[in-house]
Amino acid sequence: MRTPRTLHIGIVGLGAIGRTHVRVLRIADPTVVLSAVDPGAEAAAAARSLGITHYSDLDDMLDGARLDAVVVA
């Protein structure tokens, strides 16, 4: 039997679709760890309100978040 493990998923873009992906992923698996990258001015505040780690540069997220998967929104 496999031991379940926490998935680390990155979201590229925190517009309306990216925020929807965050909500759906949380419903599907509340243990998932999410990070997001979006250089937009409102993105950091959106990430804080969603309780996720924010990056403004894609390479920084890919290097620092140890992701299992990435969703491009």
N, C-alpha and C. Protein backbone atom coordinates (compact mmCIF):
# COMPACT_ATOMS: atom_id res chain seq x y z
N MET A 1 0.83 -1.17 0.00
CA MET A 1 0.00 0.00 0.00
C MET A 1 0.88 1.25 0.00
N ARG A 2 0.55 2.20 -0.85
CA ARG A 2 1.33 3.43 -0.94
C ARG A 2 0.94 4.39 0.18
N THR A 3 1.91 5.06 0.69
CA THR A 3 1.67 6.08 1.70
C THR A 3 1.32 7.38 0.99
N PRO A 4 0.20 8.01 1.35
CA PRO A 4 -0.14 9.29 0.71
C PRO A 4 0.91 10.34 1.06
N ARG A 5 1.13 11.23 0.14
CA ARG A 5 2.07 12.30 0.40
C ARG A 5 1.46 13.62 -0.03
N THR A 6 1.96 14.67 0.51
CA THR A 6 1.48 16.00 0.19
C THR A 6 2.00 16.42 -1.18
N LEU A 7 1.11 16.92 -2.02
CA LEU A 7 1.51 17.46 -3.31
C LEU A 7 1.80 18.94 -3.18
N HIS A 8 2.83 19.38 -3.87
CA HIS A 8 3.18 20.79 -3.95
C HIS A 8 2.89 21.24 -5.38
N ILE A 9 1.92 22.12 -5.52
CA ILE A 9 1.48 22.55 -6.84
C ILE A 9 1.68 24.05 -6.99
N GLY A 10 2.24 24.44 -8.12
CA GLY A 10 2.42 25.84 -8.45
C GLY A 10 1.35 26.30 -9.43
N ILE A 11 0.88 27.52 -9.23
CA ILE A 11 -0.10 28.12 -10.12
C ILE A 11 0.58 29.29 -10.82
N VAL A 12 0.55 29.29 -12.14
CA VAL A 12 1.11 30.40 -12.90
C VAL A 12 -0.05 31.31 -13.29
N GLY A 13 -0.12 32.46 -12.65
CA GLY A 13 -1.18 33.43 -12.90
C GLY A 13 -2.23 33.39 -11.80
N LEU A 14 -2.48 34.54 -11.19
CA LEU A 14 -3.48 34.61 -10.13
C LEU A 14 -4.64 35.53 -10.51
N GLY A 15 -4.99 35.49 -11.78
CA GLY A 15 -6.20 36.18 -12.21
C GLY A 15 -7.41 35.36 -11.76
N ALA A 16 -8.55 35.63 -12.35
CA ALA A 16 -9.78 34.94 -11.96
C ALA A 16 -9.66 33.43 -12.12
N ILE A 17 -9.07 32.97 -13.20
CA ILE A 17 -8.93 31.53 -13.44
C ILE A 17 -7.93 30.92 -12.47
N GLY A 18 -6.81 31.58 -12.23
CA GLY A 18 -5.82 31.07 -11.28
C GLY A 18 -6.40 30.94 -9.89
N ARG A 19 -7.15 31.95 -9.44
CA ARG A 19 -7.78 31.88 -8.12
C ARG A 19 -8.80 30.76 -8.05
N THR A 20 -9.50 30.52 -9.15
CA THR A 20 -10.45 29.40 -9.20
C THR A 20 -9.71 28.07 -9.07
N HIS A 21 -8.58 27.93 -9.74
CA HIS A 21 -7.78 26.71 -9.61
C HIS A 21 -7.36 26.49 -8.16
N VAL A 22 -6.97 27.54 -7.47
CA VAL A 22 -6.58 27.42 -6.06
C VAL A 22 -7.74 26.88 -5.25
N ARG A 23 -8.92 27.47 -5.42
CA ARG A 23 -10.09 27.03 -4.65
C ARG A 23 -10.46 25.58 -4.94
N VAL A 24 -10.45 25.20 -6.22
CA VAL A 24 -10.82 23.83 -6.60
C VAL A 24 -9.79 22.83 -6.08
N LEU A 25 -8.51 23.15 -6.18
CA LEU A 25 -7.48 22.25 -5.67
C LEU A 25 -7.61 22.07 -4.16
N ARG A 26 -7.94 23.12 -3.45
CA ARG A 26 -8.14 23.02 -2.00
C ARG A 26 -9.34 22.13 -1.66
N ILE A 27 -10.40 22.22 -2.45
CA ILE A 27 -11.57 21.37 -2.22
C ILE A 27 -11.22 19.91 -2.52
N ALA A 28 -10.52 19.69 -3.63
CA ALA A 28 -10.17 18.32 -4.04
C ALA A 28 -9.23 17.65 -3.05
N ASP A 29 -8.29 18.42 -2.50
CA ASP A 29 -7.31 17.86 -1.57
C ASP A 29 -6.84 18.95 -0.63
N PRO A 30 -7.42 19.00 0.56
CA PRO A 30 -7.05 20.07 1.49
C PRO A 30 -5.60 20.04 1.96
N THR A 31 -4.89 18.94 1.72
CA THR A 31 -3.50 18.86 2.16
C THR A 31 -2.52 19.40 1.12
N VAL A 32 -3.00 19.76 -0.04
CA VAL A 32 -2.12 20.25 -1.09
C VAL A 32 -1.47 21.57 -0.66
N VAL A 33 -0.20 21.72 -0.99
CA VAL A 33 0.52 22.96 -0.71
C VAL A 33 0.62 23.74 -2.01
N LEU A 34 0.20 24.99 -1.97
CA LEU A 34 0.14 25.79 -3.19
C LEU A 34 1.09 26.98 -3.12
N SER A 35 1.68 27.26 -4.27
CA SER A 35 2.46 28.47 -4.49
C SER A 35 1.96 29.07 -5.80
N ALA A 36 2.15 30.37 -5.96
CA ALA A 36 1.71 31.01 -7.19
C ALA A 36 2.72 32.04 -7.64
N VAL A 37 2.79 32.22 -8.94
CA VAL A 37 3.63 33.26 -9.51
C VAL A 37 2.76 34.17 -10.36
N ASP A 38 2.90 35.46 -10.12
CA ASP A 38 2.20 36.47 -10.90
C ASP A 38 2.86 37.80 -10.58
N PRO A 39 3.39 38.50 -11.59
CA PRO A 39 4.06 39.76 -11.33
C PRO A 39 3.11 40.94 -11.14
N GLY A 40 1.82 40.70 -11.31
CA GLY A 40 0.83 41.78 -11.22
C GLY A 40 0.79 42.43 -9.85
N ALA A 41 0.37 43.69 -9.82
CA ALA A 41 0.36 44.48 -8.59
C ALA A 41 -0.55 43.88 -7.52
N GLU A 42 -1.66 43.29 -7.90
CA GLU A 42 -2.62 42.76 -6.93
C GLU A 42 -2.31 41.32 -6.52
N ALA A 43 -1.36 40.68 -7.17
CA ALA A 43 -1.12 39.24 -6.97
C ALA A 43 -0.66 38.91 -5.56
N ALA A 44 0.22 39.71 -4.99
CA ALA A 44 0.71 39.42 -3.63
C ALA A 44 -0.42 39.46 -2.63
N ALA A 45 -1.31 40.44 -2.75
CA ALA A 45 -2.45 40.54 -1.84
C ALA A 45 -3.41 39.37 -2.06
N ALA A 46 -3.61 38.98 -3.31
CA ALA A 46 -4.48 37.84 -3.60
C ALA A 46 -3.91 36.56 -2.99
N ALA A 47 -2.62 36.37 -3.12
CA ALA A 47 -1.97 35.18 -2.55
C ALA A 47 -2.12 35.16 -1.03
N ARG A 48 -1.92 36.31 -0.41
CA ARG A 48 -2.08 36.39 1.05
C ARG A 48 -3.51 36.02 1.45
N SER A 49 -4.49 36.54 0.73
CA SER A 49 -5.89 36.26 1.07
C SER A 49 -6.24 34.79 0.86
N LEU A 50 -5.54 34.13 -0.07
CA LEU A 50 -5.77 32.71 -0.34
C LEU A 50 -4.91 31.82 0.56
N GLY A 51 -3.99 32.41 1.28
CA GLY A 51 -3.12 31.64 2.17
C GLY A 51 -2.06 30.84 1.45
N ILE A 52 -1.55 31.38 0.34
CA ILE A 52 -0.53 30.66 -0.43
C ILE A 52 0.72 31.52 -0.58
N THR A 53 1.82 30.87 -0.90
CA THR A 53 3.09 31.56 -1.12
C THR A 53 3.08 32.24 -2.47
N HIS A 54 3.53 33.50 -2.51
CA HIS A 54 3.55 34.27 -3.75
C HIS A 54 4.98 34.49 -4.23
N TYR A 55 5.15 34.35 -5.53
CA TYR A 55 6.40 34.69 -6.19
C TYR A 55 6.07 35.66 -7.32
N SER A 56 6.96 36.59 -7.59
CA SER A 56 6.73 37.49 -8.72
C SER A 56 7.53 37.07 -9.95
N ASP A 57 8.38 36.05 -9.79
CA ASP A 57 9.21 35.57 -10.90
C ASP A 57 9.09 34.05 -11.01
N LEU A 58 8.80 33.56 -12.22
CA LEU A 58 8.61 32.13 -12.45
C LEU A 58 9.84 31.31 -12.05
N ASP A 59 11.02 31.76 -12.43
CA ASP A 59 12.23 31.00 -12.08
C ASP A 59 12.41 30.89 -10.57
N ASP A 60 12.06 31.95 -9.84
CA ASP A 60 12.15 31.90 -8.38
C ASP A 60 11.22 30.83 -7.81
N MET A 61 9.99 30.74 -8.35
CA MET A 61 9.06 29.73 -7.87
C MET A 61 9.56 28.33 -8.22
N LEU A 62 10.01 28.15 -9.45
CA LEU A 62 10.48 26.83 -9.87
C LEU A 62 11.71 26.39 -9.08
N ASP A 63 12.56 27.34 -8.73
CA ASP A 63 13.77 27.02 -7.96
C ASP A 63 13.47 26.82 -6.47
N GLY A 64 12.53 27.58 -5.93
CA GLY A 64 12.35 27.60 -4.49
C GLY A 64 11.21 26.79 -3.93
N ALA A 65 10.23 26.42 -4.72
CA ALA A 65 9.02 25.82 -4.17
C ALA A 65 9.02 24.29 -4.17
N ARG A 66 9.97 23.65 -4.81
CA ARG A 66 10.02 22.17 -4.86
C ARG A 66 8.67 21.59 -5.29
N LEU A 67 8.26 21.93 -6.48
CA LEU A 67 6.93 21.58 -6.98
C LEU A 67 6.86 20.18 -7.56
N ASP A 68 5.69 19.57 -7.42
CA ASP A 68 5.38 18.30 -8.07
C ASP A 68 4.66 18.53 -9.40
N ALA A 69 3.94 19.65 -9.50
CA ALA A 69 3.18 19.95 -10.70
C ALA A 69 2.97 21.47 -10.79
N VAL A 70 2.68 21.93 -12.00
CA VAL A 70 2.40 23.34 -12.25
C VAL A 70 1.14 23.44 -13.09
N VAL A 71 0.26 24.37 -12.71
CA VAL A 71 -0.95 24.67 -13.47
C VAL A 71 -0.75 26.04 -14.09
N VAL A 72 -0.90 26.13 -15.41
CA VAL A 72 -0.81 27.41 -16.10
C VAL A 72 -2.22 27.93 -16.28
N ALA A 73 -2.52 29.04 -15.60
CA ALA A 73 -3.90 29.57 -15.64
C ALA A 73 -3.97 30.78 -16.54
